[in-house]
C-alpha atoms as a PDB file:
ATOM      1  CA  MET A   1      63.586  14.198  31.422  1.00  0.00           C
ATOM      2  CA  ARG A   2      61.787  11.065  32.575  1.00  0.00           C
ATOM      3  CA  ASP A   3      59.399   9.034  30.477  1.00  0.00           C
ATOM      4  CA  SER A   4      56.065   8.826  32.219  1.00  0.00           C
ATOM      5  CA  VAL A   5      53.964   5.703  32.318  1.00  0.00           C
ATOM      6  CA  VAL A   6      50.244   6.259  31.947  1.00  0.00           C
ATOM      7  CA  THR A   7      47.963   3.928  33.865  1.00  0.00           C
ATOM      8  CA  PRO A   8      44.859   3.388  31.742  1.00  0.00           C
ATOM      9  CA  ALA A   9      41.473   4.194  33.258  1.00  0.00           C
ATOM     10  CA  TRP A  10      39.617   0.978  32.428  1.00  0.00           C
ATOM     11  CA  ARG A  11      35.830   1.079  32.393  1.00  0.00           C
ATOM     12  CA  LYS A  12      33.109  -1.517  32.021  1.00  0.00           C
ATOM     13  CA  SER A  13      29.914  -1.137  30.098  1.00  0.00           C
ATOM     14  CA  ARG A  14      27.008  -0.313  32.386  1.00  0.00           C
ATOM     15  CA  ARG A  15      25.270  -3.275  30.731  1.00  0.00           C
ATOM     16  CA  SER A  16      27.911  -5.675  32.029  1.00  0.00           C
ATOM     17  CA  ASN A  17      26.667  -5.775  35.617  1.00  0.00           C
ATOM     18  CA  ASP A  18      24.364  -8.736  34.947  1.00  0.00           C
ATOM     19  CA  PRO A  19      25.831 -11.601  37.031  1.00  0.00           C
ATOM     20  CA  THR A  20      24.043 -14.199  34.896  1.00  0.00           C
ATOM     21  CA  ILE A  21      26.181 -13.286  31.871  1.00  0.00           C
ATOM     22  CA  GLY A  22      29.546 -13.728  33.576  1.00  0.00           C
ATOM     23  CA  ALA A  23      31.511 -12.358  30.621  1.00  0.00           C
ATOM     24  CA  CYS A  24      32.631  -8.792  30.354  1.00  0.00           C
ATOM     25  CA  VAL A  25      35.220  -6.622  28.713  1.00  0.00           C
ATOM     26  CA  GLU A  26      36.695  -3.315  29.804  1.00  0.00           C
ATOM     27  CA  VAL A  27      37.769  -0.455  27.545  1.00  0.00           C
ATOM     28  CA  ALA A  28      40.401   2.252  28.074  1.00  0.00           C
ATOM     29  CA  ALA A  29      41.705   5.199  26.096  1.00  0.00           C
ATOM     30  CA  ILE A  30      45.493   4.985  25.837  1.00  0.00           C
ATOM     31  CA  ASP A  31      47.068   7.903  24.006  1.00  0.00           C
ATOM     32  CA  GLU A  32      45.610   7.848  20.493  1.00  0.00           C
ATOM     33  CA  SER A  33      44.252   4.305  20.741  1.00  0.00           C
ATOM     34  CA  ARG A  34      41.565   2.283  22.469  1.00  0.00           C
ATOM     35  CA  ALA A  35      42.300  -0.918  24.363  1.00  0.00           C
ATOM     36  CA  VAL A  36      40.044  -3.816  25.338  1.00  0.00           C
ATOM     37  CA  ARG A  37      40.679  -6.476  27.979  1.00  0.00           C
ATOM     38  CA  ASP A  38      38.863  -9.297  29.770  1.00  0.00           C
ATOM     39  CA  SER A  39      37.564  -7.937  33.074  1.00  0.00           C
ATOM     40  CA  LYS A  40      38.086 -11.332  34.727  1.00  0.00           C
ATOM     41  CA  ASN A  41      41.814 -11.175  33.875  1.00  0.00           C
ATOM     42  CA  PRO A  42      42.860  -7.535  34.366  1.00  0.00           C
ATOM     43  CA  GLY A  43      46.562  -8.425  34.475  1.00  0.00           C
ATOM     44  CA  GLY A  44      46.357 -10.330  31.213  1.00  0.00           C
ATOM     45  CA  PRO A  45      46.829  -9.112  27.664  1.00  0.00           C
ATOM     46  CA  HIS A  46      44.726  -6.499  25.916  1.00  0.00           C
ATOM     47  CA  LEU A  47      43.893  -5.665  22.332  1.00  0.00           C
ATOM     48  CA  ALA A  48      44.638  -2.174  21.034  1.00  0.00           C
ATOM     49  CA  PHE A  49      42.907  -0.351  18.176  1.00  0.00           C
ATOM     50  CA  SER A  50      43.328   3.040  16.565  1.00  0.00           C
ATOM     51  CA  VAL A  51      40.519   5.494  17.255  1.00  0.00           C
ATOM     52  CA  ALA A  52      39.329   5.136  13.630  1.00  0.00           C
ATOM     53  CA  GLU A  53      39.252   1.317  13.913  1.00  0.00           C
ATOM     54  CA  TRP A  54      37.379   1.544  17.215  1.00  0.00           C
ATOM     55  CA  ARG A  55      34.782   3.902  15.753  1.00  0.00           C
ATOM     56  CA  ARG A  56      34.192   1.583  12.777  1.00  0.00           C
ATOM     57  CA  PHE A  57      33.846  -1.381  15.140  1.00  0.00           C
ATOM     58  CA  MET A  58      31.352   0.441  17.369  1.00  0.00           C
ATOM     59  CA  ALA A  59      29.352   1.622  14.342  1.00  0.00           C
ATOM     60  CA  ALA A  60      29.189  -1.982  13.089  1.00  0.00           C
ATOM     61  CA  ILE A  61      27.906  -3.173  16.474  1.00  0.00           C
ATOM     62  CA  LYS A  62      25.254  -0.453  16.583  1.00  0.00           C
ATOM     63  CA  SER A  63      24.180  -1.369  13.034  1.00  0.00           C
ATOM     64  CA  ASN A  64      23.746  -5.050  14.008  1.00  0.00           C
ATOM     65  CA  ASP A  65      26.441  -6.119  11.541  1.00  0.00           C
ATOM     66  CA  PHE A  66      27.397  -8.952  13.896  1.00  0.00           C
ATOM     67  CA  GLU A  67      25.313 -11.900  15.018  1.00  0.00           C
ATOM     68  CA  LEU A  68      25.666 -11.585  18.790  1.00  0.00           C
END
């Protein structure tokens, strides 16, 4: 049996299309985790989080817990 390699389906936020910002991240679901990478460097490294960590992070963003 062969091990299969899954190619992540990276997606950008629909809010990231503003060319004046110039900074964007992409997110992908990889197995039971979520990954984030710099859209300007798709071949570079990515950060991976468990689904629970990702949900806590997103909840914190939506609650304005960060000064962005």
